[in-house]
Amino acid sequence: MKKITFFKQVSEIDAGQWSALVMASSVASFFQTKDCYDFYDSLPFLEAFVFGVQENDALKGVVVGYIQKDGGKVKRFFSRRAIINGGPLLADDISEEAVEALLKGSANILRKKAIYIETRNFNDYSRWKTVFIKCRFLYEPHYNFQVDTSSVGLAEQNVGKSRKRDIRTSLRDGATVVDVPNEKEVKELYELLSELYRKKVKTPLFPYVFFKRLYESDFSRFILVRYNDCIIGGTVCVCLNNKVMYEWFACGKDGQFKNIYPSTLATWSGILYAANHGFKCFDMMGAGKPGDGGYGVRDFKAKFGGQLVEHGRFLFICDRLLFEIGSIGVKILKRK
């Protein structure tokens, strides 16, 4: 008979077993590591959480995430959400009973703090989909691109012709890649990201301290693009061992300089860094939903030669009324 134990806090989870599970699981991601939990927990504007499940004294599953709220008192109340980037960390041989215990235990705690819970999957969770649905997690299709970086030659071969041309002309006409930036340059990138989120993305961007702490960490890579002594683009990546680099944020002042394509050069430089440093995959962290029409970000990412995957998201709605009100509010803000 299986002995299943649910853990509610980080002190209950054995760090050695956690690290071993990250190394062994086929659905591991950076976002389910102890490093990532500690990073979230260091930020005063996020409420980090971690849950675990053990079967017969062996750790078989971990959930890491954060509760985020935006704006003033009223807006914070209506924007409470629990985000689980990467999806849960699960052992390949975890039982359905243990998965169920992990999901139900997590939801029972988070439902008191958030309007909804969302897992943003970067791996294939189809084998556990029925358990998620049983635990009231709805499946929502969502695309992503994952670029094979097992060799530089393969990465170069797969990138589209137009992207190659844009990279060549950018470098020819004076753009340079900064792969060891200083903090002043990181602040310049943050200003670009802030403008992008304010004008186009129309969702809140984390405060600067989020990026400062990332910059100071051992698991991040900031690769920026400089032109005329100014930072005009860049990519912010985090790394899972030497397996995967994740492009968490990227931006560029595209269309403002003749023959200079900062977003393209930044993302390509991230891909090239991954290939040169032994990473097997460059994960682009999302490419929109099926049927969302002319999704420009997906079109942009498609030309780097990655594989289009649909690992989706799981959504647990804790409060249906507040969820609907919040969804309407987001739509109104994006129209503005």
Protein backbone atom coordinates (compact mmCIF):
# COMPACT_ATOMS: atom_id res chain seq x y z
CA MET A 1 0.00 0.00 0.00
CA LYS A 2 1.33 3.43 -0.99
CA LYS A 3 2.05 5.96 1.72
CA ILE A 4 1.44 9.40 0.21
CA THR A 5 2.46 12.57 2.08
CA PHE A 6 1.66 16.14 1.00
CA PHE A 7 4.13 18.87 1.95
CA LYS A 8 2.90 22.44 2.48
CA GLN A 9 6.17 24.33 2.83
CA VAL A 10 9.78 24.37 1.74
CA SER A 11 11.19 23.21 5.09
CA GLU A 12 9.41 19.86 4.68
CA ILE A 13 11.02 19.07 1.31
CA ASP A 14 14.39 17.34 1.24
CA ALA A 15 16.72 19.52 -0.86
CA GLY A 16 18.77 16.55 -2.09
CA GLN A 17 15.69 14.65 -3.29
CA TRP A 18 14.38 17.83 -4.91
CA SER A 19 17.62 18.32 -6.86
CA ALA A 20 17.65 14.65 -7.90
CA LEU A 21 14.06 14.91 -9.12
CA VAL A 22 14.95 17.93 -11.28
CA MET A 23 17.77 15.91 -12.85
CA ALA A 24 15.62 12.81 -13.49
CA SER A 25 12.19 14.15 -14.51
CA SER A 26 11.28 14.43 -18.20
CA VAL A 27 9.11 17.47 -17.37
CA ALA A 28 11.71 19.37 -15.35
CA SER A 29 12.16 23.09 -15.94
CA PHE A 30 14.18 25.83 -14.31
CA PHE A 31 10.98 27.20 -12.80
CA GLN A 32 10.55 24.17 -10.53
CA THR A 33 14.02 24.31 -8.98
CA LYS A 34 15.00 25.37 -5.48
CA ASP A 35 16.95 28.26 -7.08
CA CYS A 36 13.78 29.57 -8.68
CA TYR A 37 11.78 29.25 -5.46
CA ASP A 38 14.48 31.15 -3.56
CA PHE A 39 14.47 33.84 -6.26
CA TYR A 40 10.69 34.30 -6.01
CA ASP A 41 10.90 34.29 -2.22
CA SER A 42 13.50 37.11 -2.25
CA LEU A 43 11.05 39.52 -3.92
CA PRO A 44 8.79 41.51 -1.56
CA PHE A 45 6.02 42.00 -4.15
CA LEU A 46 5.57 38.26 -4.82
CA GLU A 47 4.30 35.61 -2.41
CA ALA A 48 6.29 32.50 -3.25
CA PHE A 49 4.90 29.04 -2.58
CA VAL A 50 6.14 25.48 -2.86
CA PHE A 51 4.31 22.20 -2.31
CA GLY A 52 5.50 18.63 -2.59
CA VAL A 53 4.29 15.06 -2.57
CA GLN A 54 6.11 11.99 -1.35
CA GLU A 55 5.40 8.33 -2.06
CA ASN A 56 6.90 5.74 0.26
CA ASP A 57 9.60 8.17 1.48
CA ALA A 58 10.61 9.28 -2.05
CA LEU A 59 9.85 12.78 -3.35
CA LYS A 60 7.74 12.40 -6.50
CA GLY A 61 6.31 15.84 -7.21
CA VAL A 62 6.92 19.55 -6.55
CA VAL A 63 4.93 22.67 -7.38
CA VAL A 64 6.72 26.04 -7.31
CA GLY A 65 5.08 29.36 -8.08
CA TYR A 66 4.09 32.80 -6.87
CA ILE A 67 1.00 34.82 -6.10
CA GLN A 68 0.98 38.13 -7.95
CA LYS A 69 -1.16 41.21 -7.41
CA ASP A 70 -1.11 44.50 -9.33
CA GLY A 71 -1.84 48.14 -8.66
CA GLY A 72 -3.67 49.73 -5.73
CA LYS A 73 -5.82 48.09 -3.09
CA VAL A 74 -8.91 47.49 -5.24
CA LYS A 75 -6.97 46.36 -8.32
CA ARG A 76 -4.82 44.05 -6.20
CA PHE A 77 -7.95 42.37 -4.88
CA PHE A 78 -9.24 41.69 -8.40
CA SER A 79 -5.86 40.65 -9.86
CA ARG A 80 -4.76 37.97 -7.37
CA ARG A 81 -3.47 34.98 -9.32
CA ALA A 82 -1.21 32.03 -8.62
CA ILE A 83 1.25 31.37 -11.45
CA ILE A 84 3.08 28.05 -11.82
CA ASN A 85 5.61 28.65 -14.59
CA GLY A 86 6.78 25.50 -16.32
CA GLY A 87 4.09 23.26 -14.86
CA PRO A 88 4.58 20.91 -11.89
CA LEU A 89 7.78 18.91 -11.47
CA LEU A 90 6.73 15.25 -11.59
CA ALA A 91 8.67 12.01 -11.44
CA ASP A 92 8.17 9.88 -14.54
CA ASP A 93 6.92 7.03 -12.34
CA ILE A 94 4.67 9.09 -10.07
CA SER A 95 1.31 7.44 -9.37
CA GLU A 96 -1.98 9.08 -10.31
CA GLU A 97 -2.88 9.08 -6.61
CA ALA A 98 0.20 11.14 -5.81
CA VAL A 99 -0.46 13.60 -8.65
CA GLU A 100 -4.01 14.00 -7.37
CA ALA A 101 -2.77 14.59 -3.82
CA LEU A 102 -0.33 17.24 -5.07
CA LEU A 103 -2.90 19.07 -7.20
CA LYS A 104 -5.73 18.97 -4.66
CA GLY A 105 -3.46 19.93 -1.79
CA SER A 106 -2.02 22.86 -3.75
CA ALA A 107 -5.44 24.08 -4.89
CA ASN A 108 -6.95 23.86 -1.39
CA ILE A 109 -4.28 26.22 -0.04
CA LEU A 110 -4.06 28.59 -3.02
CA ARG A 111 -7.81 29.00 -3.49
CA LYS A 112 -7.89 31.04 -0.27
CA LYS A 113 -5.32 33.47 -1.66
CA ALA A 114 -5.94 33.69 -5.42
CA ILE A 115 -8.81 34.09 -7.88
CA TYR A 116 -7.29 31.53 -10.20
CA ILE A 117 -4.30 29.19 -10.53
CA GLU A 118 -2.52 28.81 -13.86
CA THR A 119 0.19 26.36 -14.85
CA ARG A 120 2.16 27.45 -17.93
CA ASN A 121 3.52 24.20 -19.28
CA PHE A 122 6.86 23.97 -21.08
CA ASN A 123 6.74 20.18 -21.40
CA ASP A 124 4.23 17.50 -22.40
CA TYR A 125 1.78 16.74 -19.56
CA SER A 126 -0.67 14.73 -21.67
CA ARG A 127 -0.11 11.52 -19.67
CA TRP A 128 -1.50 13.28 -16.58
CA LYS A 129 -4.23 15.31 -18.28
CA THR A 130 -7.10 13.17 -16.96
CA VAL A 131 -5.84 13.62 -13.38
CA PHE A 132 -5.66 17.40 -13.82
CA ILE A 133 -9.21 17.46 -15.17
CA LYS A 134 -10.39 15.24 -12.32
CA CYS A 135 -8.94 17.84 -9.93
CA ARG A 136 -10.90 20.63 -11.71
CA PHE A 137 -7.99 22.02 -13.70
CA LEU A 138 -9.26 23.06 -17.15
CA TYR A 139 -6.98 22.53 -20.13
CA GLU A 140 -6.35 25.50 -22.42
CA PRO A 141 -4.32 25.05 -25.64
CA HIS A 142 -1.27 27.29 -25.91
CA TYR A 143 1.62 27.30 -28.39
CA ASN A 144 5.34 27.53 -27.85
CA PHE A 145 8.51 27.28 -29.92
CA GLN A 146 11.49 25.19 -28.80
CA VAL A 147 14.71 25.58 -30.78
CA ASP A 148 17.14 22.68 -31.09
CA THR A 149 20.53 24.03 -29.98
CA SER A 150 22.38 20.71 -29.76
CA SER A 151 24.92 22.19 -32.21
CA VAL A 152 25.73 25.60 -33.67
CA GLY A 153 25.51 24.21 -37.18
CA LEU A 154 22.00 22.91 -36.64
CA ALA A 155 20.83 26.18 -35.08
CA GLU A 156 22.25 28.15 -38.03
CA GLN A 157 20.79 25.75 -40.55
CA ASN A 158 17.26 26.02 -39.14
CA VAL A 159 16.98 29.80 -38.85
CA GLY A 160 15.00 31.44 -41.67
CA LYS A 161 16.65 33.26 -44.57
CA SER A 162 15.08 36.62 -43.72
CA ARG A 163 16.30 36.32 -40.12
CA LYS A 164 19.83 35.52 -41.34
CA ARG A 165 19.78 38.59 -43.57
CA ASP A 166 18.56 40.81 -40.73
CA ILE A 167 21.29 39.48 -38.42
CA ARG A 168 24.02 40.10 -41.05
CA THR A 169 22.91 43.63 -41.86
CA SER A 170 22.54 44.55 -38.19
CA LEU A 171 26.10 43.50 -37.43
CA ARG A 172 27.45 44.98 -40.66
CA ASP A 173 25.91 48.38 -39.99
CA GLY A 174 27.15 48.84 -36.46
CA ALA A 175 25.05 46.89 -33.96
CA THR A 176 27.04 44.91 -31.38
CA VAL A 177 26.13 42.14 -28.97
CA VAL A 178 26.80 42.68 -25.26
CA ASP A 179 26.89 39.31 -23.51
CA VAL A 180 28.37 40.58 -20.22
CA PRO A 181 26.46 43.82 -19.58
CA ASN A 182 26.91 46.14 -16.62
CA GLU A 183 24.02 47.21 -14.42
CA LYS A 184 23.63 50.56 -16.21
CA GLU A 185 23.00 48.65 -19.44
CA VAL A 186 20.54 46.36 -17.67
CA LYS A 187 18.64 49.45 -16.51
CA GLU A 188 18.51 50.69 -20.11
CA LEU A 189 17.01 47.35 -21.16
CA TYR A 190 14.46 47.62 -18.37
CA GLU A 191 13.33 51.01 -19.69
CA LEU A 192 12.78 49.45 -23.11
CA LEU A 193 10.80 46.58 -21.59
CA SER A 194 8.71 49.03 -19.54
CA GLU A 195 7.80 50.97 -22.67
CA LEU A 196 6.91 47.77 -24.53
CA TYR A 197 4.64 46.50 -21.75
CA ARG A 198 3.00 49.90 -21.31
CA LYS A 199 2.28 50.55 -24.98
CA LYS A 200 1.87 47.13 -26.61
CA VAL A 201 1.65 44.24 -24.17
CA LYS A 202 -0.58 46.26 -21.81
CA THR A 203 0.03 44.03 -18.82
CA PRO A 204 2.09 44.94 -15.73
CA LEU A 205 5.85 44.43 -15.81
CA PHE A 206 7.71 43.40 -12.66
CA PRO A 207 9.55 46.21 -10.82
CA TYR A 208 13.21 46.78 -11.61
CA VAL A 209 14.37 44.86 -8.53
CA PHE A 210 13.10 41.66 -10.19
CA PHE A 211 15.60 42.14 -13.02
CA LYS A 212 18.36 43.35 -10.70
CA ARG A 213 18.09 40.15 -8.64
CA LEU A 214 18.06 38.07 -11.83
CA TYR A 215 21.13 39.93 -13.08
CA GLU A 216 22.94 39.16 -9.82
CA SER A 217 22.10 35.44 -9.97
CA ASP A 218 24.18 32.58 -11.35
CA PHE A 219 21.33 31.10 -13.39
CA SER A 220 20.46 34.06 -15.65
CA ARG A 221 21.95 35.39 -18.89
CA PHE A 222 21.38 38.97 -20.08
CA ILE A 223 22.35 39.41 -23.75
CA LEU A 224 21.91 42.96 -25.02
CA VAL A 225 22.22 44.82 -28.31
CA ARG A 226 24.11 48.13 -28.44
CA TYR A 227 24.01 50.71 -31.25
CA ASN A 228 25.44 54.25 -31.19
CA ASP A 229 26.41 53.78 -27.53
CA CYS A 230 22.82 52.98 -26.50
CA ILE A 231 21.12 49.71 -25.58
CA ILE A 232 18.40 49.17 -28.18
CA GLY A 233 17.33 45.60 -27.39
CA GLY A 234 18.05 42.45 -25.50
CA THR A 235 16.96 39.10 -24.14
CA VAL A 236 16.75 37.90 -20.55
CA CYS A 237 17.18 34.14 -20.14
CA VAL A 238 17.32 31.67 -17.27
CA CYS A 239 19.02 28.28 -17.42
CA LEU A 240 18.29 24.73 -16.33
CA ASN A 241 21.70 23.16 -15.78
CA ASN A 242 23.09 22.69 -19.29
CA LYS A 243 19.80 21.40 -20.66
CA VAL A 244 17.55 24.34 -21.51
CA MET A 245 17.76 28.12 -21.80
CA TYR A 246 14.43 29.93 -21.37
CA GLU A 247 13.85 33.31 -23.01
CA TRP A 248 11.81 34.97 -20.25
CA PHE A 249 11.84 38.53 -21.65
CA ALA A 250 12.92 40.06 -24.95
CA CYS A 251 12.48 43.39 -26.67
CA GLY A 252 14.00 45.75 -29.20
CA LYS A 253 13.58 49.19 -30.76
CA ASP A 254 12.61 47.65 -34.07
CA GLY A 255 11.93 49.85 -37.08
CA GLN A 256 13.78 52.85 -35.64
CA PHE A 257 17.17 52.37 -37.32
CA LYS A 258 17.97 51.57 -40.93
CA ASN A 259 19.14 47.97 -41.41
CA ILE A 260 19.25 47.34 -37.64
CA TYR A 261 16.97 44.63 -36.19
CA PRO A 262 17.60 44.55 -32.43
CA SER A 263 14.91 42.01 -31.45
CA THR A 264 16.12 39.56 -34.08
CA LEU A 265 19.77 40.00 -33.16
CA ALA A 266 19.03 39.65 -29.43
CA THR A 267 17.04 36.43 -29.75
CA TRP A 268 19.52 34.93 -32.22
CA SER A 269 22.37 35.79 -29.86
CA GLY A 270 20.54 33.91 -27.09
CA ILE A 271 20.11 30.89 -29.35
CA LEU A 272 23.77 31.03 -30.37
CA TYR A 273 24.85 31.30 -26.71
CA ALA A 274 22.80 28.19 -25.89
CA ALA A 275 24.35 26.24 -28.78
CA ASN A 276 27.88 27.33 -27.87
CA HIS A 277 27.51 26.41 -24.20
CA GLY A 278 26.07 22.92 -24.43
CA PHE A 279 22.36 23.64 -23.97
CA LYS A 280 20.19 21.23 -25.93
CA CYS A 281 17.19 23.53 -26.28
CA PHE A 282 16.28 27.22 -26.37
CA ASP A 283 12.72 27.59 -25.08
CA MET A 284 10.88 30.71 -26.31
CA MET A 285 8.28 30.56 -23.51
CA GLY A 286 5.05 30.99 -25.38
CA ALA A 287 3.59 31.81 -28.77
CA GLY A 288 -0.08 32.52 -28.15
CA LYS A 289 -3.29 30.54 -28.42
CA PRO A 290 -4.59 28.62 -31.44
CA GLY A 291 -7.05 30.67 -33.45
CA ASP A 292 -5.94 34.05 -32.13
CA GLY A 293 -5.50 35.44 -35.64
CA GLY A 294 -2.53 37.54 -36.66
CA TYR A 295 -0.33 36.92 -33.66
CA GLY A 296 2.80 38.90 -34.49
CA VAL A 297 4.96 37.40 -31.74
CA ARG A 298 4.32 33.88 -33.06
CA ASP A 299 5.22 34.95 -36.59
CA PHE A 300 8.43 36.52 -35.28
CA LYS A 301 9.44 33.45 -33.27
CA ALA A 302 8.57 31.01 -36.06
CA LYS A 303 11.45 32.22 -38.24
CA PHE A 304 14.14 31.05 -35.83
CA GLY A 305 13.59 27.42 -36.84
CA GLY A 306 12.09 26.13 -33.62
CA GLN A 307 9.55 23.33 -33.33
CA LEU A 308 6.00 24.52 -32.76
CA VAL A 309 4.63 22.64 -29.75
CA GLU A 310 1.29 22.80 -27.97
CA HIS A 311 1.80 21.88 -24.32
CA GLY A 312 -0.98 24.17 -23.17
CA ARG A 313 -1.91 25.49 -19.76
CA PHE A 314 -4.04 24.22 -16.90
CA LEU A 315 -6.43 26.64 -15.22
CA PHE A 316 -8.10 26.23 -11.83
CA ILE A 317 -10.72 28.89 -11.14
CA CYS A 318 -11.02 29.56 -7.41
CA ASP A 319 -13.73 32.24 -7.63
CA ARG A 320 -15.81 32.24 -10.83
CA LEU A 321 -17.43 35.67 -10.31
CA LEU A 322 -14.19 37.49 -9.53
CA PHE A 323 -12.48 35.65 -12.40
CA GLU A 324 -15.09 36.91 -14.89
CA ILE A 325 -14.86 40.46 -13.54
CA GLY A 326 -11.06 40.38 -13.77
CA SER A 327 -11.15 38.99 -17.33
CA ILE A 328 -13.43 41.84 -18.45
CA GLY A 329 -11.11 44.36 -16.79
CA VAL A 330 -8.06 42.98 -18.61
CA LYS A 331 -9.87 43.17 -21.98
CA ILE A 332 -10.83 46.81 -21.34
CA LEU A 333 -7.25 47.74 -20.43
CA LYS A 334 -5.85 46.07 -23.54
CA ARG A 335 -8.32 47.93 -25.78
CA LYS A 336 -7.12 51.21 -24.28
